Each structure stands twice: as C-alpha cells, then as structure tokens.
Amino acid sequence: MKRKFTLSLMTLFALAFLCGAAWTGFNKYFEITRNIEIFSNVYKEINANYVDQTDPSRLMKTGIDAMLKSLDPFTNYISEAQIENYRLAIEGKYNGIGAKARKIGDYVTITEIYQDYPAHKAGLRIGDLVLSVNGLDAKGKDSEDLYQIMRGMPKSEVDVVVLRPGEKQPRTLKLIRDEVNIPNVPYSTILPDSVGYIVLATFSENAGKNVQDALSKLKSGHPGMKAVILDLRDNGGGLLHEAVNVCNTFIPQGQLISSTRGKLKEHDQVYHTRMSAIDEQIPLAVLINGQSASASEIVSGAIQDLDRGIVIGQISYGKGLVQNTKDVGYNAKVKLTIAKYYIPSGRCIQSVSYDAEGNKIHLPDSLKSEFKTRNGRTVFDGGGVMPDVEVLDANYPPIINKLIEQNHIFNYVTRYCLNHPAPADPSGFEFTEVDDFIKYLKETRFDDQSPLDKKIEELDSVARAFPDLKLDRELSVLRSSIDQDQWKQIEKHKSRIAQVIGESIVERSHFERGLLINRLVHDPLIREANRILLDPARYKGILKQKG
C-alpha cells in the first residue's frame, strides 16, 4: 500500500512538472504573440496618424536594430540593401565601384580607392566630394545611402558628379560597375635578414589557402628564410573555418584549434586542422592589436596555446562569440550569436559585457581564470588574447586618434597633395613638414575636445547661478591650461604624426599596398618581432617561460 502511494505521489509530481513546463512554454509564446500584436498596432497608428510621412523600411529597421542592440554588438539585422556589405565581409567581394567613403561636413567624401576597379579606372580620387549620384542630390546624405545607389549588377552604369579639391567646376564621371574582389592577403614580402612578412586583412573565403600560398611563395623564392611574421592587426575576423585553415599553415594535421558551445547541441562543434602544415618548425610571430577580433583571436590564441609561436602587440578585442545568419525573407538576413568559441587551452576570450557603444568592458584580473599552454605557460580567459610581448607604444596616442577621427589629417593630406607631386617610391617617402601641419591645425582652430572641456563647461554653467563667487578668472585659467596641453601633446608626438601623414600621402597614389610598404620602414611591432625572431635564445625562452 505504501509503495502504491509513493508511486502515485511520484506520478502526481511528474504530471505537475509537465503541466508547469507546458504552462511556462504556453505563457512564453503567449507573451511573444501579445507583444508582436502590440508592436504591429503601434506601427499602424504611427503610419496612419503621424504628422509627417514615414519611411516603412527605415522605421522598421530602426525598431529591429534597437531590439537586437539589447543583446550583444554582433547580433545584427542585414537588410536587402546591406547584402553587398555582407558579401564583402564573408566572400571578400561585392558588386559595385570599388571605393570607400564617409560623410565629412555636408557631403560624402571618397576616402579609399581600390586599384584597377571601376572607381580607379574612371578617375575618381580620394578627397573627391560626391555632389550627386544618377541625378540624385547627395547633399546631407550618409555614406550608407550612397552605397545603396552605387552598388549594383556588373556592367551597369552609374553617373557620379564630384567636386575635386582645388577645382571650381564639378566633374561628371561615368562608372561601369563590376565585381570588386578585395584580397584578404593584400601584401607579403621578405624583410631584411630573411624574415618573411604576411598581412592578413580579413578571414573571408580562401584566407587559409592564400596565407599558405604566400608562405610557400616566400619560401621558394628565398630558400634561406629564417622566420615569418603574420600580421593580424586591425583584422576584425570572418569565417571560423578559415581561421582553422590559417592555423593549419603552421600547425600539423589533426590538432584541435577551436570548439564551440551553444544553447542548442547542434551548435556544439569541434574544429581540427585537416591537412599537413606548410611549415611546422619555422619561428613564427603573430602581430595583434585592440582591433584584432574573433577569427584573429582564434589564430593568435591557438598559436599561443600550442606554443607554436609568439604573439606580439597589444591585448586583442575580446570577441569569443560565434554568429550564424538566418534568412528572414525578402533577401534580408539576421546575423545572430549562437555559441561561444574556445581555443586549445580551454579558455574563452570573450569579454563578459559591453557598454552602450559596443565597446568591451575589461574584466579585472581577479575575475579571470587561469589556463595552461602546452608548455605550461599561464594564460587567462575573459577579455582578449594577451600578447607574450606587449608593445604599448605601438598604439596611437590619444591626440593622434583625435586628429584622425576629426578628419584633420585627411583634410591636410588632401591639401598637401594638391601642391606636391606624388611620391615616386612608397618605401623611401618621409613626410618632414610637421610644422606646416601644426600651422594648419591652428588656422582651423583644432580642439581635441578633451573630456575636461565638457566638465569645465558644466562647471561654468553651474557657476553662473552663483555670481558672487567670481569664478570667471579661474575657469579661464583652466581653459587655457587644457588648450596648451593639446599643443604640448602634438609637439611630443611630432615624429609619430609625421609617420601617419606620410602613410596617408603614399596611399593617395600607391593605394593600400603602398601604405603597407611605407609602414614597414618604421613599424615598431615589426622591428620588435624581427629582433626576437633573429635571437633564438630569446624566442625559445619566451615559449618556455612560466607565469
């Protein structure tokens, strides 16, 4: 009797649990249905009664973007108009004119030209202001708006009216759209002392094959090559399987590179190298910085975990999330996070949280977990790959970032190129007229917009309510001190500013390849990598050190 009562009680509990689970599931779907209906009704009322005309596509995209922004910075909606951007990230190619642009002032300005593609062939130049596209006025438009017009099927035409700096009359250029294929390995070479150098810009299709081909070509052309540098700086990632293929260049077949774990079991995957390596022994240095993310962190982290090479630079971005895309109709997609990835030591380098702008929030060391590399070196999870050799002075100081963000360097270089011939040799060009640039900054009333400026304005606003305190003089002294500090910072970093301006001047006539060639001459990370790779004792010591 007691046993029957126990069984009945267990059955009752089981039924209650199932009913509870069913009710929870029902309640969840009821909430979804209810809120979708509310959203639909709100849109209907806006569309019917709002005082101005609304753009349905733009309004809906704003709503979807706001919803996805509450999740993580990498879950995004890809509209039909943005599909070519998506193709560029995944395939390294898109249908368009082969140029980049951004809004500077009232007009979108051409900021980069891809060599031998329609924009270059038609005579478009960096610095050109876009006045109209196919007869549509471009004033006030964002670069994304113009991309939607300028991208299109190969062999179709687009008429672009531009105003070139230094000219009074606009030019009309007819561009024939084409498929633009941007190389993921834009440059590779042999450096002095027989060190190979390979730049990988993105992990689009065939990234692994192209790195392997570049290494094989360098080895065959220089049989005495002593070491190789793989540059992943500013590489924001791409395809996970291509990260595995890039690792396979240096790591033998059958080695675990990454695993993924998600809410659904089907998203749990394990990725191993599948082929023989091109070279398992050659000394290797991987360069990273704060913009090296995702697949770049799989490669640099795996190389570090397996003690296959050394990592040099600054701590990486900290993106340990895997995205997948789903079709949502009408040629649109949603890219959503489905899992986290882990590298050979078992660590996940994902930053735990982000601020409102999508910038990662660093974990304090006390909250990070320790892991071990193959040689027993200590590495940490949570917040990026920490390089074996940190070179902090390779980062731009804040004053240079301000000069770049506010387009002062871009605008000055535009003016400079009007009055100077293009550099004949990208490797030998040096910019020496920094004092002229400083004069230009003073003419244009450069303000670094220091956070202290805002605080002083706030204090000034409050002080007006207390006129008896007479703080005007003190506030004026503070403003003057802050203003003087920005000029002191510019003086302090004159040589670095000259390098950045020089690279930008070279890029105008020699494109991305010329910029990379010019950068080799003074790049602090490449110099440090060279020193370590050519010092076998130091190289091996880094790979064996504990802690």
Protein backbone atom coordinates (compact mmCIF):
# COMPACT_ATOMS: atom_id res chain seq x y z
CA MET A 1 0.00 0.00 0.00
CA LYS A 2 2.84 2.34 0.94
CA ARG A 3 4.67 1.54 -2.35
CA LYS A 4 1.49 2.28 -4.35
CA PHE A 5 1.08 5.58 -2.50
CA THR A 6 4.74 6.50 -3.27
CA LEU A 7 4.28 5.69 -6.96
CA SER A 8 1.08 7.73 -7.09
CA LEU A 9 2.81 10.67 -5.44
CA MET A 10 5.70 10.45 -7.91
CA THR A 11 3.22 10.31 -10.79
CA LEU A 12 1.44 13.35 -9.42
CA PHE A 13 4.70 15.28 -9.13
CA ALA A 14 5.64 14.27 -12.70
CA LEU A 15 2.28 15.42 -14.05
CA ALA A 16 2.60 18.68 -12.13
CA PHE A 17 6.08 19.24 -13.54
CA LEU A 18 4.93 18.53 -17.10
CA CYS A 19 1.93 20.78 -16.69
CA GLY A 20 4.16 23.51 -15.25
CA ALA A 21 6.59 23.15 -18.15
CA ALA A 22 3.74 23.20 -20.63
CA TRP A 23 2.24 26.26 -18.94
CA THR A 24 5.66 28.00 -18.96
CA GLY A 25 6.04 27.26 -22.67
CA PHE A 26 2.48 28.41 -23.37
CA ASN A 27 2.99 31.55 -21.31
CA LYS A 28 6.20 32.37 -23.18
CA TYR A 29 4.57 32.02 -26.61
CA PHE A 30 1.54 33.99 -25.39
CA GLU A 31 3.92 36.82 -24.40
CA ILE A 32 5.59 36.70 -27.82
CA THR A 33 2.23 36.80 -29.66
CA ARG A 34 0.91 39.59 -27.42
CA ASN A 35 3.96 41.81 -27.89
CA ILE A 36 4.11 41.26 -31.67
CA GLU A 37 0.47 42.36 -31.85
CA ILE A 38 1.24 45.45 -29.74
CA PHE A 39 4.21 46.30 -31.98
CA SER A 40 2.06 45.91 -35.10
CA ASN A 41 -0.68 48.13 -33.66
CA VAL A 42 1.83 50.83 -32.68
CA TYR A 43 3.21 50.85 -36.22
CA LYS A 44 -0.29 51.06 -37.74
CA GLU A 45 -1.11 54.09 -35.59
CA ILE A 46 2.20 55.82 -36.47
CA ASN A 47 1.70 55.12 -40.18
CA ALA A 48 -1.89 56.36 -40.15
CA ASN A 49 -1.70 59.39 -37.88
CA TYR A 50 1.89 60.69 -37.56
CA VAL A 51 2.16 64.32 -38.69
CA ASP A 52 4.86 63.64 -41.33
CA GLN A 53 5.30 60.92 -43.91
CA THR A 54 7.19 57.89 -42.61
CA ASP A 55 9.53 55.55 -44.46
CA PRO A 56 8.35 51.99 -43.61
CA SER A 57 11.74 50.36 -44.30
CA ARG A 58 13.71 52.86 -42.25
CA LEU A 59 11.19 52.83 -39.37
CA MET A 60 11.09 49.04 -39.15
CA LYS A 61 14.88 48.75 -39.41
CA THR A 62 15.22 51.21 -36.53
CA GLY A 63 12.90 49.05 -34.42
CA ILE A 64 14.70 45.81 -35.30
CA ASP A 65 18.14 47.38 -34.70
CA ALA A 66 17.05 48.66 -31.28
CA MET A 67 15.76 45.19 -30.32
CA LEU A 68 18.96 43.44 -31.38
CA LYS A 69 21.18 46.08 -29.75
CA SER A 70 19.88 44.92 -26.36
CA LEU A 71 21.54 41.51 -26.93
CA ASP A 72 25.18 41.95 -27.99
CA PRO A 73 27.07 44.13 -30.51
CA PHE A 74 27.39 41.29 -33.03
CA THR A 75 23.74 40.30 -33.45
CA ASN A 76 22.57 42.42 -36.39
CA TYR A 77 19.82 42.76 -38.98
CA ILE A 78 21.07 42.76 -42.58
CA SER A 79 18.55 44.44 -44.87
CA GLU A 80 18.32 43.75 -48.59
CA ALA A 81 20.21 47.00 -49.22
CA GLN A 82 23.08 45.81 -46.98
CA ILE A 83 23.53 42.40 -48.59
CA GLU A 84 26.55 43.57 -50.60
CA ASN A 85 28.23 44.65 -47.34
CA TYR A 86 27.56 41.16 -46.02
CA ARG A 87 29.05 39.58 -49.17
CA LEU A 88 32.14 41.72 -48.72
CA ALA A 89 32.66 40.50 -45.15
CA ILE A 90 32.12 36.82 -45.98
CA GLU A 91 33.36 36.44 -49.56
CA GLY A 92 35.74 39.40 -49.82
CA LYS A 93 33.87 40.69 -52.87
CA TYR A 94 30.80 42.68 -53.84
CA ASN A 95 29.17 44.28 -56.87
CA GLY A 96 29.93 47.99 -57.04
CA ILE A 97 32.55 50.61 -57.94
CA GLY A 98 35.50 49.76 -55.67
CA ALA A 99 35.66 52.75 -53.33
CA LYS A 100 35.04 53.65 -49.70
CA ALA A 101 33.60 56.93 -48.47
CA ARG A 102 32.41 58.71 -45.35
CA LYS A 103 30.49 61.87 -44.60
CA ILE A 104 32.69 64.89 -43.91
CA GLY A 105 30.65 68.05 -43.45
CA ASP A 106 27.63 68.21 -45.76
CA TYR A 107 28.91 65.74 -48.33
CA VAL A 108 30.14 62.18 -48.53
CA THR A 109 33.85 62.20 -49.40
CA ILE A 110 35.81 59.43 -51.13
CA THR A 111 38.33 58.07 -48.59
CA GLU A 112 39.73 54.96 -50.27
CA ILE A 113 40.08 53.67 -53.84
CA TYR A 114 40.74 50.05 -54.80
CA GLN A 115 43.33 49.84 -57.55
CA ASP A 116 42.19 48.67 -61.02
CA TYR A 117 38.47 48.69 -60.19
CA PRO A 118 35.74 50.95 -61.69
CA ALA A 119 36.30 53.97 -59.42
CA HIS A 120 40.04 53.96 -60.17
CA LYS A 121 39.55 53.38 -63.92
CA ALA A 122 37.01 56.22 -64.15
CA GLY A 123 39.37 58.68 -62.47
CA LEU A 124 37.70 59.00 -59.06
CA ARG A 125 40.18 60.19 -56.42
CA ILE A 126 40.48 60.18 -52.66
CA GLY A 127 39.21 63.55 -51.42
CA ASP A 128 36.51 63.96 -54.10
CA LEU A 129 33.20 65.28 -52.71
CA VAL A 130 30.18 63.41 -54.09
CA LEU A 131 27.61 66.01 -55.23
CA SER A 132 25.12 63.68 -56.91
CA VAL A 133 24.64 60.06 -57.98
CA ASN A 134 22.47 59.27 -61.02
CA GLY A 135 20.98 62.75 -60.81
CA LEU A 136 20.04 62.50 -57.13
CA ASP A 137 21.36 65.30 -54.92
CA ALA A 138 23.83 63.84 -52.40
CA LYS A 139 23.97 66.80 -50.02
CA GLY A 140 23.24 65.70 -46.47
CA LYS A 141 23.19 62.02 -47.42
CA ASP A 142 25.10 59.42 -45.40
CA SER A 143 27.68 57.13 -46.97
CA GLU A 144 25.32 54.16 -46.47
CA ASP A 145 22.66 55.91 -48.57
CA LEU A 146 25.11 56.39 -51.44
CA TYR A 147 26.42 52.82 -51.20
CA GLN A 148 22.91 51.58 -51.87
CA ILE A 149 22.83 53.57 -55.10
CA MET A 150 26.41 52.98 -56.27
CA ARG A 151 26.36 49.23 -55.77
CA GLY A 152 24.64 47.18 -58.44
CA MET A 153 24.99 44.49 -61.06
CA PRO A 154 28.24 44.23 -63.04
CA LYS A 155 28.31 46.14 -66.35
CA SER A 156 25.54 48.51 -65.21
CA GLU A 157 26.35 52.23 -65.26
CA VAL A 158 26.32 54.89 -62.58
CA ASP A 159 26.87 58.63 -63.14
CA VAL A 160 28.67 60.40 -60.29
CA VAL A 161 29.18 64.17 -60.09
CA VAL A 162 32.10 65.12 -57.85
CA LEU A 163 33.84 68.29 -56.80
CA ARG A 164 37.59 67.79 -56.72
CA PRO A 165 39.61 69.75 -54.13
CA GLY A 166 41.35 72.69 -55.79
CA GLU A 167 38.81 72.88 -58.64
CA LYS A 168 35.82 75.19 -59.00
CA GLN A 169 33.81 73.21 -61.55
CA PRO A 170 32.28 69.78 -60.78
CA ARG A 171 33.26 66.74 -62.83
CA THR A 172 30.84 64.11 -64.13
CA LEU A 173 32.25 60.59 -64.15
CA LYS A 174 30.60 57.55 -65.71
CA LEU A 175 31.45 54.37 -63.81
CA ILE A 176 30.78 50.84 -65.05
CA ARG A 177 30.02 48.67 -62.05
CA ASP A 178 31.88 45.40 -61.68
CA GLU A 179 32.54 42.66 -59.16
CA VAL A 180 35.07 44.04 -56.70
CA ASN A 181 37.30 41.36 -55.23
CA ILE A 182 39.31 42.63 -52.26
CA PRO A 183 42.31 40.40 -51.45
CA ASN A 184 42.44 39.07 -47.90
CA VAL A 185 46.24 38.87 -48.20
CA PRO A 186 46.99 42.34 -49.62
CA TYR A 187 50.75 42.14 -49.14
CA SER A 188 53.58 39.71 -48.42
CA THR A 189 57.32 40.18 -48.74
CA ILE A 190 60.72 39.17 -47.46
CA LEU A 191 62.20 41.60 -44.93
CA PRO A 192 65.91 42.26 -44.36
CA ASP A 193 67.67 39.41 -42.54
CA SER A 194 65.49 36.85 -44.40
CA VAL A 195 62.31 37.21 -42.33
CA GLY A 196 59.03 36.64 -44.19
CA TYR A 197 56.11 39.02 -43.67
CA ILE A 198 52.44 38.29 -44.48
CA VAL A 199 49.48 40.63 -43.92
CA LEU A 200 46.06 39.02 -43.48
CA ALA A 201 43.35 41.70 -43.62
CA THR A 202 40.20 39.57 -43.20
CA PHE A 203 39.09 35.95 -42.83
CA SER A 204 36.94 35.83 -45.96
CA GLU A 205 36.78 32.83 -48.29
CA ASN A 206 40.15 31.23 -49.13
CA ALA A 207 42.00 33.16 -46.43
CA GLY A 208 43.78 29.96 -45.33
CA LYS A 209 44.77 28.99 -48.87
CA ASN A 210 46.03 32.50 -49.62
CA VAL A 211 48.19 32.60 -46.48
CA GLN A 212 49.56 29.15 -47.34
CA ASP A 213 50.27 30.22 -50.93
CA ALA A 214 52.01 33.39 -49.71
CA LEU A 215 54.22 31.41 -47.32
CA SER A 216 55.07 28.80 -49.97
CA LYS A 217 55.97 31.53 -52.47
CA LEU A 218 58.22 33.30 -49.95
CA LYS A 219 59.95 30.02 -49.05
CA SER A 220 60.54 29.02 -52.66
CA GLY A 221 61.84 32.47 -53.58
CA HIS A 222 64.06 32.69 -50.50
CA PRO A 223 65.26 29.19 -49.51
CA GLY A 224 67.19 30.61 -46.56
CA MET A 225 64.14 32.27 -44.95
CA LYS A 226 64.72 32.19 -41.18
CA ALA A 227 61.33 33.16 -39.73
CA VAL A 228 57.90 34.58 -40.58
CA ILE A 229 55.65 37.33 -39.24
CA LEU A 230 51.84 37.02 -39.63
CA ASP A 231 50.20 40.45 -39.23
CA LEU A 232 46.62 40.31 -37.89
CA ARG A 233 46.38 43.90 -36.70
CA ASP A 234 43.02 45.58 -37.38
CA ASN A 235 41.68 42.25 -38.67
CA GLY A 236 38.12 42.04 -37.33
CA GLY A 237 37.67 38.35 -38.16
CA GLY A 238 35.36 36.49 -40.50
CA LEU A 239 34.85 32.79 -41.17
CA LEU A 240 35.75 30.38 -38.38
CA HIS A 241 36.78 27.56 -40.71
CA GLU A 242 39.21 29.92 -42.40
CA ALA A 243 40.78 30.63 -39.02
CA VAL A 244 41.38 26.88 -38.70
CA ASN A 245 42.86 26.80 -42.21
CA VAL A 246 45.22 29.70 -41.41
CA CYS A 247 46.40 27.82 -38.28
CA ASN A 248 46.91 24.76 -40.48
CA THR A 249 49.63 26.71 -42.31
CA PHE A 250 51.86 26.27 -39.26
CA ILE A 251 50.18 23.51 -37.21
CA PRO A 252 50.08 19.83 -38.26
CA GLN A 253 47.04 17.77 -39.20
CA GLY A 254 44.64 16.58 -36.50
CA GLN A 255 45.30 19.32 -33.95
CA LEU A 256 42.36 20.83 -32.06
CA ILE A 257 42.11 24.56 -32.85
CA SER A 258 38.69 25.57 -31.58
CA SER A 259 35.42 24.26 -30.21
CA THR A 260 32.03 25.96 -29.95
CA ARG A 261 29.30 25.56 -27.34
CA GLY A 262 25.80 26.96 -27.55
CA LYS A 263 22.30 26.59 -26.13
CA LEU A 264 21.43 24.02 -28.81
CA LYS A 265 23.51 20.84 -29.07
CA GLU A 266 23.69 21.24 -32.86
CA HIS A 267 25.83 24.34 -32.28
CA ASP A 268 28.44 22.36 -30.34
CA GLN A 269 31.25 21.77 -32.82
CA VAL A 270 34.92 20.81 -32.70
CA TYR A 271 37.41 22.08 -35.30
CA HIS A 272 40.71 20.33 -36.07
CA THR A 273 43.36 21.00 -38.68
CA ARG A 274 42.76 18.70 -41.66
CA MET A 275 45.93 18.81 -43.76
CA SER A 276 49.68 18.73 -43.45
CA ALA A 277 51.18 22.07 -42.45
CA ILE A 278 53.24 24.15 -44.87
CA ASP A 279 55.92 24.57 -42.18
CA GLU A 280 55.66 23.21 -38.61
CA GLN A 281 59.08 24.42 -37.47
CA ILE A 282 59.81 27.91 -38.80
CA PRO A 283 59.93 30.54 -35.98
CA LEU A 284 56.66 32.46 -36.03
CA ALA A 285 55.45 35.80 -34.64
CA VAL A 286 51.79 36.88 -34.80
CA LEU A 287 51.05 40.62 -34.53
CA ILE A 288 47.78 41.74 -32.90
CA ASN A 289 46.22 44.94 -31.55
CA GLY A 290 42.97 46.09 -29.96
CA GLN A 291 41.08 45.70 -33.25
CA SER A 292 42.17 42.09 -33.84
CA ALA A 293 38.95 40.20 -33.16
CA SER A 294 37.11 36.89 -33.50
CA ALA A 295 38.92 34.69 -36.06
CA SER A 296 42.09 36.73 -35.45
CA GLU A 297 41.84 35.74 -31.79
CA ILE A 298 41.30 32.09 -32.66
CA VAL A 299 44.52 32.11 -34.69
CA SER A 300 46.65 34.15 -32.27
CA GLY A 301 45.19 32.33 -29.25
CA ALA A 302 45.70 28.86 -30.77
CA ILE A 303 49.29 29.70 -31.79
CA GLN A 304 49.88 30.86 -28.21
CA ASP A 305 48.11 27.91 -26.51
CA LEU A 306 50.05 25.38 -28.59
CA ASP A 307 53.34 27.28 -28.11
CA ARG A 308 53.77 27.24 -31.88
CA GLY A 309 54.89 30.87 -32.00
CA ILE A 310 54.92 34.13 -30.08
CA VAL A 311 52.22 36.81 -30.02
CA ILE A 312 53.35 40.45 -30.07
CA GLY A 313 51.43 43.72 -29.75
CA GLN A 314 48.51 44.78 -27.57
CA ILE A 315 45.63 42.84 -25.99
CA SER A 316 43.10 41.85 -28.65
CA TYR A 317 39.44 42.89 -28.86
CA GLY A 318 37.88 40.05 -26.88
CA LYS A 319 35.18 38.59 -29.16
CA GLY A 320 34.61 34.93 -28.36
CA LEU A 321 31.13 34.70 -29.87
CA VAL A 322 30.06 32.70 -32.93
CA GLN A 323 27.49 34.17 -35.31
CA ASN A 324 25.27 32.49 -37.86
CA THR A 325 22.93 34.06 -40.41
CA LYS A 326 19.29 33.15 -40.99
CA ASP A 327 17.11 34.21 -43.90
CA VAL A 328 14.14 36.27 -42.74
CA GLY A 329 12.52 36.87 -46.14
CA TYR A 330 12.78 39.45 -48.94
CA ASN A 331 16.53 38.86 -49.32
CA ALA A 332 17.17 40.06 -45.77
CA LYS A 333 19.03 38.20 -43.04
CA VAL A 334 19.57 38.28 -39.31
CA LYS A 335 23.05 37.57 -38.03
CA LEU A 336 22.77 36.21 -34.51
CA THR A 337 25.07 34.87 -31.84
CA ILE A 338 24.58 31.11 -31.44
CA ALA A 339 27.57 29.97 -29.40
CA LYS A 340 30.86 30.82 -27.71
CA TYR A 341 34.15 29.52 -29.01
CA TYR A 342 37.02 28.05 -27.02
CA ILE A 343 40.66 27.66 -28.02
CA PRO A 344 43.03 24.73 -27.33
CA SER A 345 43.81 25.53 -23.66
CA GLY A 346 40.06 25.51 -22.95
CA ARG A 347 39.74 29.25 -22.42
CA CYS A 348 37.16 31.57 -23.96
CA ILE A 349 38.48 35.05 -24.66
CA GLN A 350 35.02 36.67 -24.77
CA SER A 351 34.63 39.93 -22.86
CA VAL A 352 31.74 39.43 -20.49
CA SER A 353 29.94 42.70 -21.21
CA TYR A 354 29.87 45.81 -23.41
CA ASP A 355 28.92 49.45 -22.91
CA ALA A 356 26.21 51.28 -24.87
CA GLU A 357 28.58 51.91 -27.81
CA GLY A 358 29.55 48.24 -28.07
CA ASN A 359 32.99 48.73 -26.52
CA LYS A 360 34.13 45.87 -24.34
CA ILE A 361 34.34 46.29 -20.59
CA HIS A 362 37.59 44.78 -19.31
CA LEU A 363 37.38 42.20 -16.57
CA PRO A 364 39.64 42.82 -13.57
CA ASP A 365 42.42 40.23 -13.30
CA SER A 366 40.89 38.89 -10.10
CA LEU A 367 37.86 37.63 -12.06
CA LYS A 368 39.85 35.90 -14.82
CA SER A 369 40.56 32.17 -14.79
CA GLU A 370 43.98 30.66 -15.37
CA PHE A 371 44.73 28.15 -18.13
CA LYS A 372 47.93 26.48 -19.30
CA THR A 373 49.58 26.37 -22.71
CA ARG A 374 51.14 23.15 -23.99
CA ASN A 375 54.47 24.13 -22.39
CA GLY A 376 52.80 25.01 -19.10
CA ARG A 377 52.76 28.78 -19.53
CA THR A 378 49.93 30.60 -17.75
CA VAL A 379 47.29 32.31 -19.91
CA PHE A 380 43.93 33.85 -18.99
CA ASP A 381 40.37 33.92 -20.30
CA GLY A 382 37.87 36.77 -20.37
CA GLY A 383 38.74 39.80 -22.43
CA GLY A 384 41.04 39.09 -25.33
CA VAL A 385 44.36 37.45 -26.08
CA MET A 386 47.17 38.99 -24.04
CA PRO A 387 50.35 39.07 -26.14
CA ASP A 388 53.50 37.30 -24.99
CA VAL A 389 55.40 40.52 -25.71
CA GLU A 390 53.37 43.68 -25.14
CA VAL A 391 54.41 46.76 -27.13
CA LEU A 392 52.15 49.53 -25.85
CA ASP A 393 53.90 52.38 -27.68
CA ALA A 394 52.77 50.85 -30.97
CA ASN A 395 49.28 52.21 -30.17
CA TYR A 396 48.40 55.65 -31.45
CA PRO A 397 48.44 58.15 -28.56
CA PRO A 398 45.02 59.76 -27.91
CA ILE A 399 45.97 63.04 -29.64
CA ILE A 400 46.62 61.21 -32.94
CA ASN A 401 43.30 59.36 -32.67
CA LYS A 402 41.62 62.77 -32.30
CA LEU A 403 43.42 64.11 -35.38
CA ILE A 404 42.24 61.09 -37.37
CA GLU A 405 38.65 60.99 -36.04
CA GLN A 406 38.12 64.70 -36.70
CA ASN A 407 39.48 64.33 -40.27
CA HIS A 408 42.30 66.86 -39.73
CA ILE A 409 44.95 64.52 -41.13
CA PHE A 410 42.69 63.52 -44.04
CA ASN A 411 41.89 67.12 -44.96
CA TYR A 412 45.50 68.27 -44.61
CA VAL A 413 46.75 65.44 -46.83
CA THR A 414 44.16 66.43 -49.45
CA ARG A 415 45.56 69.97 -49.43
CA TYR A 416 49.17 68.74 -49.39
CA CYS A 417 48.66 66.52 -52.44
CA LEU A 418 47.33 69.48 -54.45
CA ASN A 419 50.67 71.24 -54.12
CA HIS A 420 53.17 68.37 -54.17
CA PRO A 421 53.97 65.62 -56.67
CA ALA A 422 53.07 62.04 -55.76
CA PRO A 423 55.89 60.09 -54.06
CA ALA A 424 57.77 58.01 -56.62
CA ASP A 425 58.91 55.35 -54.16
CA PRO A 426 56.49 54.37 -51.37
CA SER A 427 59.22 52.74 -49.28
CA GLY A 428 61.51 55.77 -49.27
CA PHE A 429 58.99 58.57 -48.73
CA GLU A 430 59.13 60.56 -45.49
CA PHE A 431 56.92 63.48 -44.53
CA THR A 432 59.04 66.23 -42.98
CA GLU A 433 56.71 69.25 -42.85
CA VAL A 434 55.07 68.67 -39.47
CA ASP A 435 55.40 72.36 -38.56
CA ASP A 436 53.26 73.19 -41.59
CA PHE A 437 50.66 70.71 -40.34
CA ILE A 438 50.67 72.35 -36.89
CA LYS A 439 50.20 75.73 -38.57
CA TYR A 440 47.23 74.25 -40.45
CA LEU A 441 45.74 72.98 -37.16
CA LYS A 442 45.97 76.46 -35.65
CA GLU A 443 44.38 78.02 -38.73
CA THR A 444 41.47 75.58 -38.50
CA ARG A 445 41.17 76.09 -34.70
CA PHE A 446 41.83 72.49 -33.76
CA ASP A 447 40.21 71.41 -30.49
CA ASP A 448 40.89 67.91 -29.18
CA GLN A 449 37.51 68.03 -27.35
CA SER A 450 39.05 66.80 -24.12
CA PRO A 451 36.59 65.37 -21.56
CA LEU A 452 37.89 68.12 -19.26
CA ASP A 453 36.43 70.73 -21.64
CA LYS A 454 32.95 69.34 -21.03
CA LYS A 455 33.46 69.35 -17.28
CA ILE A 456 34.57 72.98 -17.34
CA GLU A 457 31.51 73.92 -19.40
CA GLU A 458 29.32 72.18 -16.84
CA LEU A 459 31.10 74.00 -14.01
CA ASP A 460 30.74 77.29 -15.87
CA SER A 461 27.01 76.69 -16.25
CA VAL A 462 26.63 76.00 -12.53
CA ALA A 463 28.86 78.96 -11.58
CA ARG A 464 26.55 81.41 -13.38
CA ALA A 465 23.97 80.68 -10.69
CA PHE A 466 26.48 81.93 -8.08
CA PRO A 467 27.86 85.21 -9.49
CA ASP A 468 29.23 86.29 -6.10
CA LEU A 469 31.87 83.54 -6.28
CA LYS A 470 33.51 85.26 -9.31
CA LEU A 471 35.00 82.11 -10.84
CA ASP A 472 35.46 83.55 -14.33
CA ARG A 473 39.20 84.07 -13.94
CA GLU A 474 39.81 80.59 -12.51
CA LEU A 475 37.79 78.95 -15.28
CA SER A 476 39.65 80.96 -17.91
CA VAL A 477 42.99 79.77 -16.49
CA LEU A 478 41.75 76.15 -16.60
CA ARG A 479 40.62 76.51 -20.23
CA SER A 480 43.95 77.97 -21.22
CA SER A 481 45.83 75.17 -19.47
CA ILE A 482 43.80 72.48 -21.26
CA ASP A 483 44.27 74.23 -24.60
CA GLN A 484 48.03 74.42 -24.08
CA ASP A 485 48.15 70.74 -23.17
CA GLN A 486 46.81 69.64 -26.59
CA TRP A 487 49.64 71.54 -28.32
CA LYS A 488 52.18 70.02 -25.92
CA GLN A 489 50.88 66.57 -26.86
CA ILE A 490 51.21 67.38 -30.55
CA GLU A 491 54.82 68.55 -30.02
CA LYS A 492 55.58 65.40 -28.01
CA HIS A 493 54.32 63.10 -30.78
CA LYS A 494 55.55 65.03 -33.84
CA SER A 495 57.54 62.11 -35.27
CA ARG A 496 54.59 59.74 -34.95
CA ILE A 497 52.24 62.28 -36.55
CA ALA A 498 54.72 62.62 -39.42
CA GLN A 499 54.60 58.85 -39.98
CA VAL A 500 50.79 58.77 -40.07
CA ILE A 501 50.64 61.70 -42.50
CA GLY A 502 53.36 60.12 -44.66
CA GLU A 503 51.43 56.85 -44.91
CA SER A 504 48.27 58.72 -45.89
CA ILE A 505 50.12 60.68 -48.61
CA VAL A 506 51.58 57.45 -50.05
CA GLU A 507 48.14 55.79 -50.04
CA ARG A 508 46.71 58.52 -52.30
CA SER A 509 48.90 57.43 -55.23
CA HIS A 510 50.10 53.91 -54.32
CA PHE A 511 46.92 52.57 -52.66
CA GLU A 512 46.84 50.11 -49.75
CA ARG A 513 49.88 48.19 -50.94
CA GLY A 514 51.97 51.38 -50.97
CA LEU A 515 50.81 52.30 -47.48
CA LEU A 516 51.88 48.88 -46.16
CA ILE A 517 55.27 49.15 -47.88
CA ASN A 518 55.84 52.59 -46.37
CA ARG A 519 54.77 51.42 -42.90
CA LEU A 520 57.40 48.65 -42.88
CA VAL A 521 60.17 51.23 -42.59
CA HIS A 522 59.18 52.49 -39.14
CA ASP A 523 56.72 49.93 -37.69
CA PRO A 524 57.67 49.31 -34.02
CA LEU A 525 55.94 45.91 -33.85
CA ILE A 526 57.74 44.61 -36.92
CA ARG A 527 61.06 45.83 -35.52
CA GLU A 528 60.41 44.05 -32.21
CA ALA A 529 59.26 40.85 -33.94
CA ASN A 530 62.40 40.90 -36.09
CA ARG A 531 64.67 41.28 -33.06
CA ILE A 532 63.06 38.34 -31.23
CA LEU A 533 62.82 36.01 -34.22
CA LEU A 534 66.50 36.52 -35.03
CA ASP A 535 67.50 35.80 -31.42
CA PRO A 536 66.83 32.04 -31.00
CA ALA A 537 67.61 32.03 -27.28
CA ARG A 538 65.12 34.81 -26.55
CA TYR A 539 62.48 33.30 -28.85
CA LYS A 540 62.71 29.88 -27.19
CA GLY A 541 62.87 31.48 -23.75
CA ILE A 542 59.52 33.24 -24.28
CA LEU A 543 57.88 29.96 -25.33
CA LYS A 544 59.18 28.16 -22.23
CA GLN A 545 58.76 30.79 -19.54
CA LYS A 546 56.29 30.03 -16.75
CA GLY A 547 53.83 32.55 -15.37
